[in-house]
Amino acid sequence: MYQFLIAKRDGPVEYLTLNRREVRNAFNEGLIAELTDWAARTGEAAARYELRVVVLAGAGTVFSAGADVAWMARALHYSEADNLRDATAAARMFAALDTLPVALVGRIHGAALGGGCGLAAVCDVAIAEDQTQFGFTEVKLGIVPGVISPFVLAKIGHSAARDLFVTGARFSAARAREIGLVHSVVPASELDARVARSVGEILAAGPEAIATVKALIREVCGRSVEDAMGITARAIAARRVSPEGQEGLKAFLEKRKPSWDK
């Protein structure tokens, strides 16, 4: 149903692949629109507990090289209002991916540049092949990593962002792990096995709990302990009395797997 995406479902797991390999999975209006639509449909499936984890990957030799050169060439003739419309659409896409109620696992290889780094930033679990190159290269073109900045800052913090945003320098997978943009770095031969291991860990967790804790992270981040205290206390109290929380606690006490861990 999509031109630029391949979505394959395997039970509660969806494998979503960016499929613009001829341009290194670069973004254009079409890919942004399709990812936004996919995120909306995925949220509906997650609400019915038909879907519990998504693996995001890129076809071909790289994860995503950022913005499509042809798209940027067209933008030379856009008005500021036209550019605002495009940028707002991209911002909404990243926000939709960031707020998915299911776990998003990034399978990152080759290169993740510009918006590709933005995709890595919205992944709950980001796993990179050890030769992957990263970079917030926008300033080299006289522009800025605008729409991805809230998601990247939440991942890597102000200090690393000041260095990498200002220089536009490319950096290694090891550096990406050091600053928290990705969580694991493995040889190419181990990438799929490491992704599968993370998927297995996620499937052993309560789906409602995952959705709740993702929302909790966003709500608590940046608050003082005092401001967060009521939010966190209500969250755990609600989960303890929920059917899923009750099942999880009973399973633990009875030394068995909970019902969702098939």
Protein backbone atom coordinates (compact mmCIF):
# COMPACT_ATOMS: atom_id res chain seq x y z
CA MET A 1 0.00 0.00 0.00
CA TYR A 2 3.05 2.28 0.20
CA GLN A 3 5.46 3.46 -2.48
CA PHE A 4 8.43 4.24 -0.24
CA LEU A 5 7.92 1.85 2.67
CA ILE A 6 7.80 -1.92 3.07
CA ALA A 7 5.76 -3.06 6.06
CA LYS A 8 5.69 -6.75 6.97
CA ARG A 9 3.87 -8.13 9.99
CA ASP A 10 5.03 -11.25 11.85
CA GLY A 11 2.54 -11.79 14.65
CA PRO A 12 2.93 -8.91 17.13
CA VAL A 13 6.09 -7.60 15.38
CA GLU A 14 6.15 -5.27 12.38
CA TYR A 15 9.24 -4.85 10.22
CA LEU A 16 9.17 -1.41 8.60
CA THR A 17 11.77 -0.67 5.94
CA LEU A 18 12.52 2.65 4.28
CA ASN A 19 12.56 1.71 0.60
CA ARG A 20 14.19 4.49 -1.42
CA ARG A 21 17.48 2.68 -1.86
CA GLU A 22 18.32 4.52 -5.09
CA VAL A 23 18.68 7.73 -3.03
CA ARG A 24 19.99 6.05 0.13
CA ASN A 25 16.56 6.21 1.79
CA ALA A 26 16.58 10.00 1.79
CA PHE A 27 13.49 11.92 2.83
CA ASN A 28 11.11 13.63 0.45
CA GLU A 29 7.49 14.74 0.77
CA GLY A 30 6.26 11.27 -0.16
CA LEU A 31 8.28 9.38 2.42
CA ILE A 32 7.31 11.86 5.14
CA ALA A 33 3.61 11.51 4.26
CA GLU A 34 3.83 7.72 4.21
CA LEU A 35 5.63 7.50 7.56
CA THR A 36 3.03 9.81 9.09
CA ASP A 37 0.19 7.70 7.73
CA TRP A 38 1.88 4.48 8.85
CA ALA A 39 2.34 5.85 12.39
CA ALA A 40 -1.37 6.67 12.62
CA ARG A 41 -2.37 3.19 11.45
CA THR A 42 0.15 1.60 13.81
CA GLY A 43 -1.28 3.48 16.77
CA GLU A 44 -4.71 2.04 15.96
CA ALA A 45 -3.32 -1.51 15.78
CA ALA A 46 -1.41 -1.04 19.02
CA ALA A 47 -4.58 0.10 20.78
CA ARG A 48 -6.10 -3.30 19.91
CA TYR A 49 -2.89 -5.04 21.12
CA GLU A 50 -2.40 -6.56 17.67
CA LEU A 51 1.05 -4.97 17.46
CA ARG A 52 3.66 -4.73 20.21
CA VAL A 53 7.00 -3.86 18.63
CA VAL A 54 8.26 -2.31 15.38
CA VAL A 55 11.71 -2.79 13.85
CA LEU A 56 12.70 0.18 11.67
CA ALA A 57 15.37 -0.40 9.02
CA GLY A 58 16.62 0.93 5.70
CA ALA A 59 16.83 -0.95 2.41
CA GLY A 60 20.15 -1.20 0.61
CA THR A 61 23.48 0.04 1.91
CA VAL A 62 22.41 2.73 4.39
CA PHE A 63 19.74 3.43 6.99
CA SER A 64 18.97 6.99 5.83
CA ALA A 65 21.09 9.72 4.26
CA GLY A 66 18.81 12.57 5.37
CA ALA A 67 17.11 14.89 2.87
CA ASP A 68 16.71 14.00 -0.81
CA VAL A 69 18.89 16.20 -3.05
CA ALA A 70 16.06 16.55 -5.60
CA TRP A 71 13.69 17.65 -2.84
CA MET A 72 16.22 20.22 -1.64
CA ALA A 73 16.62 21.48 -5.23
CA ARG A 74 12.87 22.09 -5.47
CA ALA A 75 12.96 23.87 -2.12
CA LEU A 76 15.29 26.50 -3.60
CA HIS A 77 12.21 27.94 -5.27
CA TYR A 78 9.88 27.64 -2.27
CA SER A 79 8.64 30.65 -0.37
CA GLU A 80 9.17 30.79 3.37
CA ALA A 81 5.52 29.75 3.75
CA ASP A 82 6.12 26.73 1.50
CA ASN A 83 9.15 25.76 3.55
CA LEU A 84 7.19 26.19 6.77
CA ARG A 85 4.54 23.79 5.45
CA ASP A 86 7.18 21.19 4.55
CA ALA A 87 9.02 21.56 7.86
CA THR A 88 5.81 21.29 9.85
CA ALA A 89 4.91 18.07 8.04
CA ALA A 90 8.33 16.62 8.90
CA ALA A 91 8.03 17.72 12.53
CA ARG A 92 4.65 16.02 12.81
CA MET A 93 6.10 12.84 11.34
CA PHE A 94 8.90 12.68 13.90
CA ALA A 95 6.45 13.46 16.70
CA ALA A 96 4.14 10.67 15.52
CA LEU A 97 7.00 8.18 15.54
CA ASP A 98 8.26 9.42 18.91
CA THR A 99 4.87 8.94 20.57
CA LEU A 100 4.03 5.48 19.21
CA PRO A 101 2.48 3.41 22.02
CA VAL A 102 4.63 0.43 21.03
CA ALA A 103 8.38 -0.07 21.24
CA LEU A 104 10.34 1.16 18.21
CA VAL A 105 13.64 -0.64 17.57
CA GLY A 106 16.09 0.90 15.11
CA ARG A 107 18.23 -1.39 12.94
CA ILE A 108 20.84 1.13 11.80
CA HIS A 109 23.58 0.46 9.27
CA GLY A 110 25.76 2.24 6.71
CA ALA A 111 24.89 5.85 7.44
CA ALA A 112 22.39 7.90 9.42
CA LEU A 113 22.73 11.56 8.49
CA GLY A 114 20.53 14.55 9.24
CA GLY A 115 16.98 13.25 9.38
CA GLY A 116 18.41 9.74 9.58
CA CYS A 117 19.88 10.73 12.95
CA GLY A 118 16.46 12.06 13.82
CA LEU A 119 15.00 8.62 13.19
CA ALA A 120 17.65 7.08 15.43
CA ALA A 121 16.70 9.60 18.13
CA VAL A 122 13.01 8.60 18.16
CA CYS A 123 13.82 4.89 18.47
CA ASP A 124 13.31 3.44 21.94
CA VAL A 125 16.10 0.96 21.27
CA ALA A 126 18.69 1.94 18.65
CA ILE A 127 21.15 -0.72 17.49
CA ALA A 128 23.89 0.22 15.04
CA GLU A 129 26.31 -1.72 12.90
CA ASP A 130 29.82 -0.75 13.98
CA GLN A 131 30.84 0.88 10.67
CA THR A 132 27.84 3.21 10.53
CA GLN A 133 28.57 6.90 10.03
CA PHE A 134 26.42 9.52 11.75
CA GLY A 135 26.22 13.27 11.34
CA PHE A 136 24.09 16.36 11.85
CA THR A 137 25.47 17.82 8.65
CA GLU A 138 22.87 20.54 8.05
CA VAL A 139 25.12 23.49 8.93
CA LYS A 140 27.45 22.46 6.10
CA LEU A 141 24.57 23.47 3.80
CA GLY A 142 23.82 26.68 5.67
CA ILE A 143 20.70 25.26 7.32
CA VAL A 144 20.02 23.72 10.73
CA PRO A 145 18.76 20.41 12.22
CA GLY A 146 15.55 22.17 13.19
CA VAL A 147 12.65 19.73 13.35
CA ILE A 148 14.75 16.87 14.74
CA SER A 149 16.37 18.97 17.49
CA PRO A 150 13.82 18.30 20.28
CA PHE A 151 14.14 14.55 19.84
CA VAL A 152 17.93 14.60 19.49
CA LEU A 153 18.41 16.88 22.50
CA ALA A 154 16.27 14.54 24.59
CA LYS A 155 18.61 11.72 23.58
CA ILE A 156 22.12 13.22 23.63
CA GLY A 157 21.84 16.36 25.77
CA HIS A 158 22.98 19.94 25.22
CA SER A 159 26.75 19.44 25.39
CA ALA A 160 27.01 16.82 22.65
CA ALA A 161 24.46 18.71 20.54
CA ARG A 162 26.46 21.94 20.74
CA ASP A 163 29.54 20.15 19.41
CA LEU A 164 27.86 18.08 16.72
CA PHE A 165 25.26 20.59 15.56
CA VAL A 166 27.77 23.43 15.28
CA THR A 167 30.54 21.50 13.52
CA GLY A 168 28.34 19.32 11.33
CA ALA A 169 31.11 16.75 11.63
CA ARG A 170 30.46 13.10 10.90
CA PHE A 171 31.02 10.70 13.78
CA SER A 172 31.35 6.99 14.39
CA ALA A 173 28.93 4.46 15.80
CA ALA A 174 31.13 4.28 18.89
CA ARG A 175 30.70 8.03 19.41
CA ALA A 176 26.94 7.70 18.82
CA ARG A 177 26.79 5.10 21.60
CA GLU A 178 28.95 7.23 23.89
CA ILE A 179 26.52 10.17 23.67
CA GLY A 180 23.38 8.00 23.88
CA LEU A 181 22.10 8.38 20.31
CA VAL A 182 22.30 4.60 19.96
CA HIS A 183 22.32 1.97 22.66
CA SER A 184 24.27 -0.92 21.15
CA VAL A 185 26.99 -1.21 18.50
CA VAL A 186 27.74 -4.58 16.95
CA PRO A 187 29.51 -6.03 13.90
CA ALA A 188 27.36 -6.33 10.79
CA SER A 189 27.26 -10.12 11.20
CA GLU A 190 25.60 -9.73 14.61
CA LEU A 191 23.16 -6.91 13.83
CA ASP A 192 20.06 -9.00 13.15
CA ALA A 193 20.67 -11.28 16.12
CA ARG A 194 21.03 -8.26 18.42
CA VAL A 195 17.81 -6.77 17.07
CA ALA A 196 16.01 -10.09 17.56
CA ARG A 197 17.24 -10.25 21.16
CA SER A 198 15.80 -6.81 21.89
CA VAL A 199 12.50 -7.76 20.25
CA GLY A 200 12.35 -10.84 22.47
CA GLU A 201 12.95 -8.75 25.60
CA ILE A 202 10.17 -6.36 24.61
CA LEU A 203 7.70 -9.18 23.91
CA ALA A 204 8.30 -10.46 27.45
CA ALA A 205 7.04 -7.13 28.84
CA GLY A 206 3.43 -6.05 29.31
CA PRO A 207 2.17 -4.12 26.27
CA GLU A 208 0.09 -1.70 28.35
CA ALA A 209 3.06 -1.11 30.64
CA ILE A 210 5.27 -0.24 27.65
CA ALA A 211 2.75 2.27 26.33
CA THR A 212 2.39 3.78 29.80
CA VAL A 213 6.10 4.04 30.52
CA LYS A 214 6.80 5.68 27.14
CA ALA A 215 4.24 8.36 27.96
CA LEU A 216 5.62 8.63 31.51
CA ILE A 217 9.13 9.33 30.26
CA ARG A 218 7.87 12.23 28.17
CA GLU A 219 5.78 13.62 31.03
CA VAL A 220 8.44 13.35 33.74
CA CYS A 221 11.49 14.44 31.73
CA GLY A 222 12.65 17.90 32.82
CA ARG A 223 10.46 18.07 35.92
CA SER A 224 11.80 18.39 39.44
CA VAL A 225 11.42 15.42 41.79
CA GLU A 226 8.70 17.30 43.66
CA ASP A 227 6.75 18.07 40.48
CA ALA A 228 7.10 14.51 39.22
CA MET A 229 6.22 12.79 42.50
CA GLY A 230 2.45 12.85 42.10
CA ILE A 231 2.63 11.80 38.45
CA THR A 232 4.90 8.84 39.15
CA ALA A 233 2.98 7.69 42.21
CA ARG A 234 -0.32 7.73 40.33
CA ALA A 235 1.27 5.86 37.43
CA ILE A 236 2.52 2.94 39.52
CA ALA A 237 -0.66 2.81 41.61
CA ALA A 238 -2.80 2.58 38.47
CA ARG A 239 -0.62 -0.14 36.98
CA ARG A 240 -0.68 -2.24 40.16
CA VAL A 241 -4.47 -2.47 40.13
CA SER A 242 -4.80 -2.87 36.35
CA PRO A 243 -5.58 -6.35 34.97
CA GLU A 244 -2.18 -6.46 33.28
CA GLY A 245 -0.37 -5.40 36.44
CA GLN A 246 -2.28 -7.95 38.50
CA GLU A 247 -1.45 -10.69 36.02
CA GLY A 248 2.23 -9.75 35.98
CA LEU A 249 2.54 -9.73 39.76
CA LYS A 250 0.64 -13.03 40.11
CA ALA A 251 2.81 -14.65 37.44
CA PHE A 252 5.94 -13.54 39.27
CA LEU A 253 4.71 -14.89 42.61
CA GLU A 254 3.53 -18.14 41.00
CA LYS A 255 6.85 -18.54 39.14
CA ARG A 256 5.28 -18.69 35.69
CA LYS A 257 5.27 -16.54 32.57
CA PRO A 258 2.55 -13.89 32.31
CA SER A 259 -0.18 -14.35 29.73
CA TRP A 260 1.33 -11.92 27.22
CA ASP A 261 4.70 -13.74 27.12
CA LYS A 262 3.89 -16.55 24.69
